[in-house]
Amino acid sequence: MIPKEELLYSDRAPKAVGAYPHARKVGNLLFLSGVGPRKLGSKDIPGVELDDQGNIVSYDIEVQCRAVFDNIRYIVEDCGSSWENIVDVTVFLTNMKDDFKIYNKLYAEYFKDNQPCRTTCEINCLPTPIGIELKVIATID
């Protein structure tokens, strides 16, 4: 059984779309579940236009990246860590060819002082109609 104090949530980040916490503390490590660009209290996805059937008509990867980075910051801070304590980032992009250059530029902006290890993977889709999701590990002082 997982002790409840190890399952952590943020009041500023959007609720999970499944049965999982925002993060889990193990020793002095904080493991975040996959984080997308949704905003708290809304099912709308920043930078995404959907048709009546829920298919993506258009999206702005820059808007999504900034929203994901904001959500990551909320979670790490609300769970007792900080942006500077992020040590590992796994990035999932649904369109590497079109989106990597913009994502990489923004990543360099947000992580200019803290340079965690990073892996970037292209996948064909995510559970919701988003173009980016991050999986993060941070330390807790």
C-alpha atoms as a PDB file:
ATOM      1  CA  MET A   1       0.000   0.000   0.000  1.00  0.00           C
ATOM      2  CA  ILE A   2       1.304   3.442  -0.955  1.00  0.00           C
ATOM      3  CA  PRO A   3       1.375   5.862   1.994  1.00  0.00           C
ATOM      4  CA  LYS A   4      -0.957   8.773   1.192  1.00  0.00           C
ATOM      5  CA  GLU A   5       1.706  11.342   2.041  1.00  0.00           C
ATOM      6  CA  GLU A   6       3.730  10.084  -0.908  1.00  0.00           C
ATOM      7  CA  LEU A   7       0.904  10.821  -3.394  1.00  0.00           C
ATOM      8  CA  LEU A   8       0.966  14.550  -4.081  1.00  0.00           C
ATOM      9  CA  TYR A   9      -1.341  16.993  -5.853  1.00  0.00           C
ATOM     10  CA  SER A  10      -1.280  20.633  -6.909  1.00  0.00           C
ATOM     11  CA  ASP A  11      -4.196  22.999  -6.416  1.00  0.00           C
ATOM     12  CA  ARG A  12      -2.973  25.084  -9.370  1.00  0.00           C
ATOM     13  CA  ALA A  13      -2.525  22.383 -12.024  1.00  0.00           C
ATOM     14  CA  PRO A  14      -5.386  20.742 -13.954  1.00  0.00           C
ATOM     15  CA  LYS A  15      -6.818  17.562 -12.488  1.00  0.00           C
ATOM     16  CA  ALA A  16      -5.464  14.297 -13.880  1.00  0.00           C
ATOM     17  CA  VAL A  17      -7.450  12.664 -16.689  1.00  0.00           C
ATOM     18  CA  GLY A  18      -7.106   9.270 -14.985  1.00  0.00           C
ATOM     19  CA  ALA A  19      -6.576   7.578 -11.643  1.00  0.00           C
ATOM     20  CA  TYR A  20      -3.112   8.912 -10.798  1.00  0.00           C
ATOM     21  CA  PRO A  21      -1.575  11.706  -8.714  1.00  0.00           C
ATOM     22  CA  HIS A  22       0.218  14.747 -10.059  1.00  0.00           C
ATOM     23  CA  ALA A  23       3.357  13.426  -8.397  1.00  0.00           C
ATOM     24  CA  ARG A  24       4.761  10.821  -6.057  1.00  0.00           C
ATOM     25  CA  LYS A  25       7.531  11.377  -3.541  1.00  0.00           C
ATOM     26  CA  VAL A  26      10.040   8.572  -3.049  1.00  0.00           C
ATOM     27  CA  GLY A  27      12.874   9.482  -0.696  1.00  0.00           C
ATOM     28  CA  ASN A  28      14.145  12.858  -1.873  1.00  0.00           C
ATOM     29  CA  LEU A  29      12.860  12.331  -5.430  1.00  0.00           C
ATOM     30  CA  LEU A  30       9.657  13.708  -6.910  1.00  0.00           C
ATOM     31  CA  PHE A  31       8.257  11.796  -9.900  1.00  0.00           C
ATOM     32  CA  LEU A  32       5.621  13.674 -11.909  1.00  0.00           C
ATOM     33  CA  SER A  33       2.951  11.938 -13.912  1.00  0.00           C
ATOM     34  CA  GLY A  34       2.701  13.042 -17.553  1.00  0.00           C
ATOM     35  CA  VAL A  35       1.712  16.716 -17.708  1.00  0.00           C
ATOM     36  CA  GLY A  36      -0.072  18.358 -20.619  1.00  0.00           C
ATOM     37  CA  PRO A  37      -1.176  21.918 -21.398  1.00  0.00           C
ATOM     38  CA  ARG A  38      -4.742  21.951 -20.032  1.00  0.00           C
ATOM     39  CA  LYS A  39      -5.655  24.726 -17.594  1.00  0.00           C
ATOM     40  CA  LEU A  40      -7.182  24.194 -14.157  1.00  0.00           C
ATOM     41  CA  GLY A  41     -10.979  24.161 -14.210  1.00  0.00           C
ATOM     42  CA  SER A  42     -11.312  23.874 -17.988  1.00  0.00           C
ATOM     43  CA  LYS A  43     -11.444  21.098 -20.556  1.00  0.00           C
ATOM     44  CA  ASP A  44     -10.261  23.543 -23.216  1.00  0.00           C
ATOM     45  CA  ILE A  45      -6.683  23.027 -24.323  1.00  0.00           C
ATOM     46  CA  PRO A  46      -4.630  26.202 -24.828  1.00  0.00           C
ATOM     47  CA  GLY A  47      -3.636  26.655 -28.457  1.00  0.00           C
ATOM     48  CA  VAL A  48      -5.909  23.888 -29.795  1.00  0.00           C
ATOM     49  CA  GLU A  49      -8.937  24.274 -32.063  1.00  0.00           C
ATOM     50  CA  LEU A  50     -11.182  21.200 -32.311  1.00  0.00           C
ATOM     51  CA  ASP A  51     -14.019  20.361 -34.706  1.00  0.00           C
ATOM     52  CA  ASP A  52     -17.443  19.104 -33.552  1.00  0.00           C
ATOM     53  CA  GLN A  53     -16.146  15.513 -33.358  1.00  0.00           C
ATOM     54  CA  GLY A  54     -13.173  16.465 -31.166  1.00  0.00           C
ATOM     55  CA  ASN A  55     -10.570  16.223 -33.946  1.00  0.00           C
ATOM     56  CA  ILE A  56      -7.727  18.732 -34.037  1.00  0.00           C
ATOM     57  CA  VAL A  57      -8.319  21.410 -36.683  1.00  0.00           C
ATOM     58  CA  SER A  58      -5.267  23.469 -35.733  1.00  0.00           C
ATOM     59  CA  TYR A  59      -2.878  23.938 -32.854  1.00  0.00           C
ATOM     60  CA  ASP A  60      -0.168  26.297 -31.672  1.00  0.00           C
ATOM     61  CA  ILE A  61       2.735  24.313 -30.191  1.00  0.00           C
ATOM     62  CA  GLU A  62       4.256  27.425 -28.599  1.00  0.00           C
ATOM     63  CA  VAL A  63       1.092  28.104 -26.600  1.00  0.00           C
ATOM     64  CA  GLN A  64       0.939  24.440 -25.577  1.00  0.00           C
ATOM     65  CA  CYS A  65       4.612  24.354 -24.525  1.00  0.00           C
ATOM     66  CA  ARG A  66       4.254  27.442 -22.343  1.00  0.00           C
ATOM     67  CA  ALA A  67       1.111  25.978 -20.711  1.00  0.00           C
ATOM     68  CA  VAL A  68       2.889  22.653 -20.032  1.00  0.00           C
ATOM     69  CA  PHE A  69       5.887  24.436 -18.494  1.00  0.00           C
ATOM     70  CA  ASP A  70       3.525  26.479 -16.288  1.00  0.00           C
ATOM     71  CA  ASN A  71       1.768  23.296 -15.121  1.00  0.00           C
ATOM     72  CA  ILE A  72       5.103  21.610 -14.375  1.00  0.00           C
ATOM     73  CA  ARG A  73       6.182  24.616 -12.318  1.00  0.00           C
ATOM     74  CA  TYR A  74       2.915  24.579 -10.341  1.00  0.00           C
ATOM     75  CA  ILE A  75       3.264  20.884  -9.560  1.00  0.00           C
ATOM     76  CA  VAL A  76       6.927  20.874  -8.531  1.00  0.00           C
ATOM     77  CA  GLU A  77       6.460  23.964  -6.355  1.00  0.00           C
ATOM     78  CA  ASP A  78       3.225  22.755  -4.742  1.00  0.00           C
ATOM     79  CA  CYS A  79       4.837  19.371  -4.023  1.00  0.00           C
ATOM     80  CA  GLY A  80       7.820  20.827  -2.158  1.00  0.00           C
ATOM     81  CA  SER A  81      10.408  21.167  -4.918  1.00  0.00           C
ATOM     82  CA  SER A  82      11.344  23.849  -7.438  1.00  0.00           C
ATOM     83  CA  TRP A  83      12.022  24.395 -11.128  1.00  0.00           C
ATOM     84  CA  GLU A  84      15.756  24.476 -10.376  1.00  0.00           C
ATOM     85  CA  ASN A  85      15.533  20.976  -8.835  1.00  0.00           C
ATOM     86  CA  ILE A  86      14.289  19.321 -12.032  1.00  0.00           C
ATOM     87  CA  VAL A  87      16.903  16.709 -12.967  1.00  0.00           C
ATOM     88  CA  ASP A  88      15.261  14.721 -15.781  1.00  0.00           C
ATOM     89  CA  VAL A  89      12.681  15.521 -18.475  1.00  0.00           C
ATOM     90  CA  THR A  90      11.059  13.141 -20.934  1.00  0.00           C
ATOM     91  CA  VAL A  91       9.178  14.941 -23.690  1.00  0.00           C
ATOM     92  CA  PHE A  92       6.507  13.403 -25.897  1.00  0.00           C
ATOM     93  CA  LEU A  93       5.744  15.253 -29.141  1.00  0.00           C
ATOM     94  CA  THR A  94       3.108  14.154 -31.645  1.00  0.00           C
ATOM     95  CA  ASN A  95       4.775  15.995 -34.547  1.00  0.00           C
ATOM     96  CA  MET A  96       8.564  16.056 -34.214  1.00  0.00           C
ATOM     97  CA  LYS A  97       9.153  17.416 -37.732  1.00  0.00           C
ATOM     98  CA  ASP A  98       6.985  20.527 -37.321  1.00  0.00           C
ATOM     99  CA  ASP A  99       7.166  21.120 -33.567  1.00  0.00           C
ATOM    100  CA  PHE A 100      10.670  20.238 -32.363  1.00  0.00           C
ATOM    101  CA  LYS A 101      12.338  23.482 -33.439  1.00  0.00           C
ATOM    102  CA  ILE A 102       9.796  25.650 -31.579  1.00  0.00           C
ATOM    103  CA  TYR A 103       9.734  23.346 -28.565  1.00  0.00           C
ATOM    104  CA  ASN A 104      13.554  23.237 -28.407  1.00  0.00           C
ATOM    105  CA  LYS A 105      13.776  27.062 -28.530  1.00  0.00           C
ATOM    106  CA  LEU A 106      11.282  27.399 -25.667  1.00  0.00           C
ATOM    107  CA  TYR A 107      12.935  24.611 -23.686  1.00  0.00           C
ATOM    108  CA  ALA A 108      16.257  26.492 -23.914  1.00  0.00           C
ATOM    109  CA  GLU A 109      14.490  29.636 -22.662  1.00  0.00           C
ATOM    110  CA  TYR A 110      12.845  27.924 -19.691  1.00  0.00           C
ATOM    111  CA  PHE A 111      15.830  25.731 -18.779  1.00  0.00           C
ATOM    112  CA  LYS A 112      18.680  28.159 -19.510  1.00  0.00           C
ATOM    113  CA  ASP A 113      19.954  28.089 -15.909  1.00  0.00           C
ATOM    114  CA  ASN A 114      18.957  24.544 -15.020  1.00  0.00           C
ATOM    115  CA  GLN A 115      19.850  21.959 -17.622  1.00  0.00           C
ATOM    116  CA  PRO A 116      18.322  18.605 -16.648  1.00  0.00           C
ATOM    117  CA  CYS A 117      18.895  15.437 -18.630  1.00  0.00           C
ATOM    118  CA  ARG A 118      16.369  15.241 -21.470  1.00  0.00           C
ATOM    119  CA  THR A 119      14.865  12.687 -23.801  1.00  0.00           C
ATOM    120  CA  THR A 120      12.491  13.703 -26.610  1.00  0.00           C
ATOM    121  CA  CYS A 121      10.277  11.084 -28.266  1.00  0.00           C
ATOM    122  CA  GLU A 122       7.802  11.317 -31.113  1.00  0.00           C
ATOM    123  CA  ILE A 123       4.576   9.418 -30.542  1.00  0.00           C
ATOM    124  CA  ASN A 124       1.536   9.183 -32.794  1.00  0.00           C
ATOM    125  CA  CYS A 125      -0.987  10.480 -30.247  1.00  0.00           C
ATOM    126  CA  LEU A 126      -1.673  11.270 -26.606  1.00  0.00           C
ATOM    127  CA  PRO A 127      -4.818  10.416 -24.586  1.00  0.00           C
ATOM    128  CA  THR A 128      -6.261  13.880 -25.192  1.00  0.00           C
ATOM    129  CA  PRO A 129      -5.898  16.066 -28.326  1.00  0.00           C
ATOM    130  CA  ILE A 130      -2.605  17.679 -27.328  1.00  0.00           C
ATOM    131  CA  GLY A 131       0.730  17.932 -29.120  1.00  0.00           C
ATOM    132  CA  ILE A 132       3.079  17.751 -26.116  1.00  0.00           C
ATOM    133  CA  GLU A 133       3.367  16.071 -22.728  1.00  0.00           C
ATOM    134  CA  LEU A 134       6.253  16.112 -20.231  1.00  0.00           C
ATOM    135  CA  LYS A 135       7.323  13.536 -17.665  1.00  0.00           C
ATOM    136  CA  VAL A 136       9.608  15.039 -15.019  1.00  0.00           C
ATOM    137  CA  ILE A 137      11.785  13.959 -12.102  1.00  0.00           C
ATOM    138  CA  ALA A 138      12.950  16.501  -9.530  1.00  0.00           C
ATOM    139  CA  THR A 139      14.764  16.408  -6.229  1.00  0.00           C
ATOM    140  CA  ILE A 140      13.311  17.671  -2.972  1.00  0.00           C
ATOM    141  CA  ASP A 141      15.716  19.452  -0.605  1.00  0.00           C
END
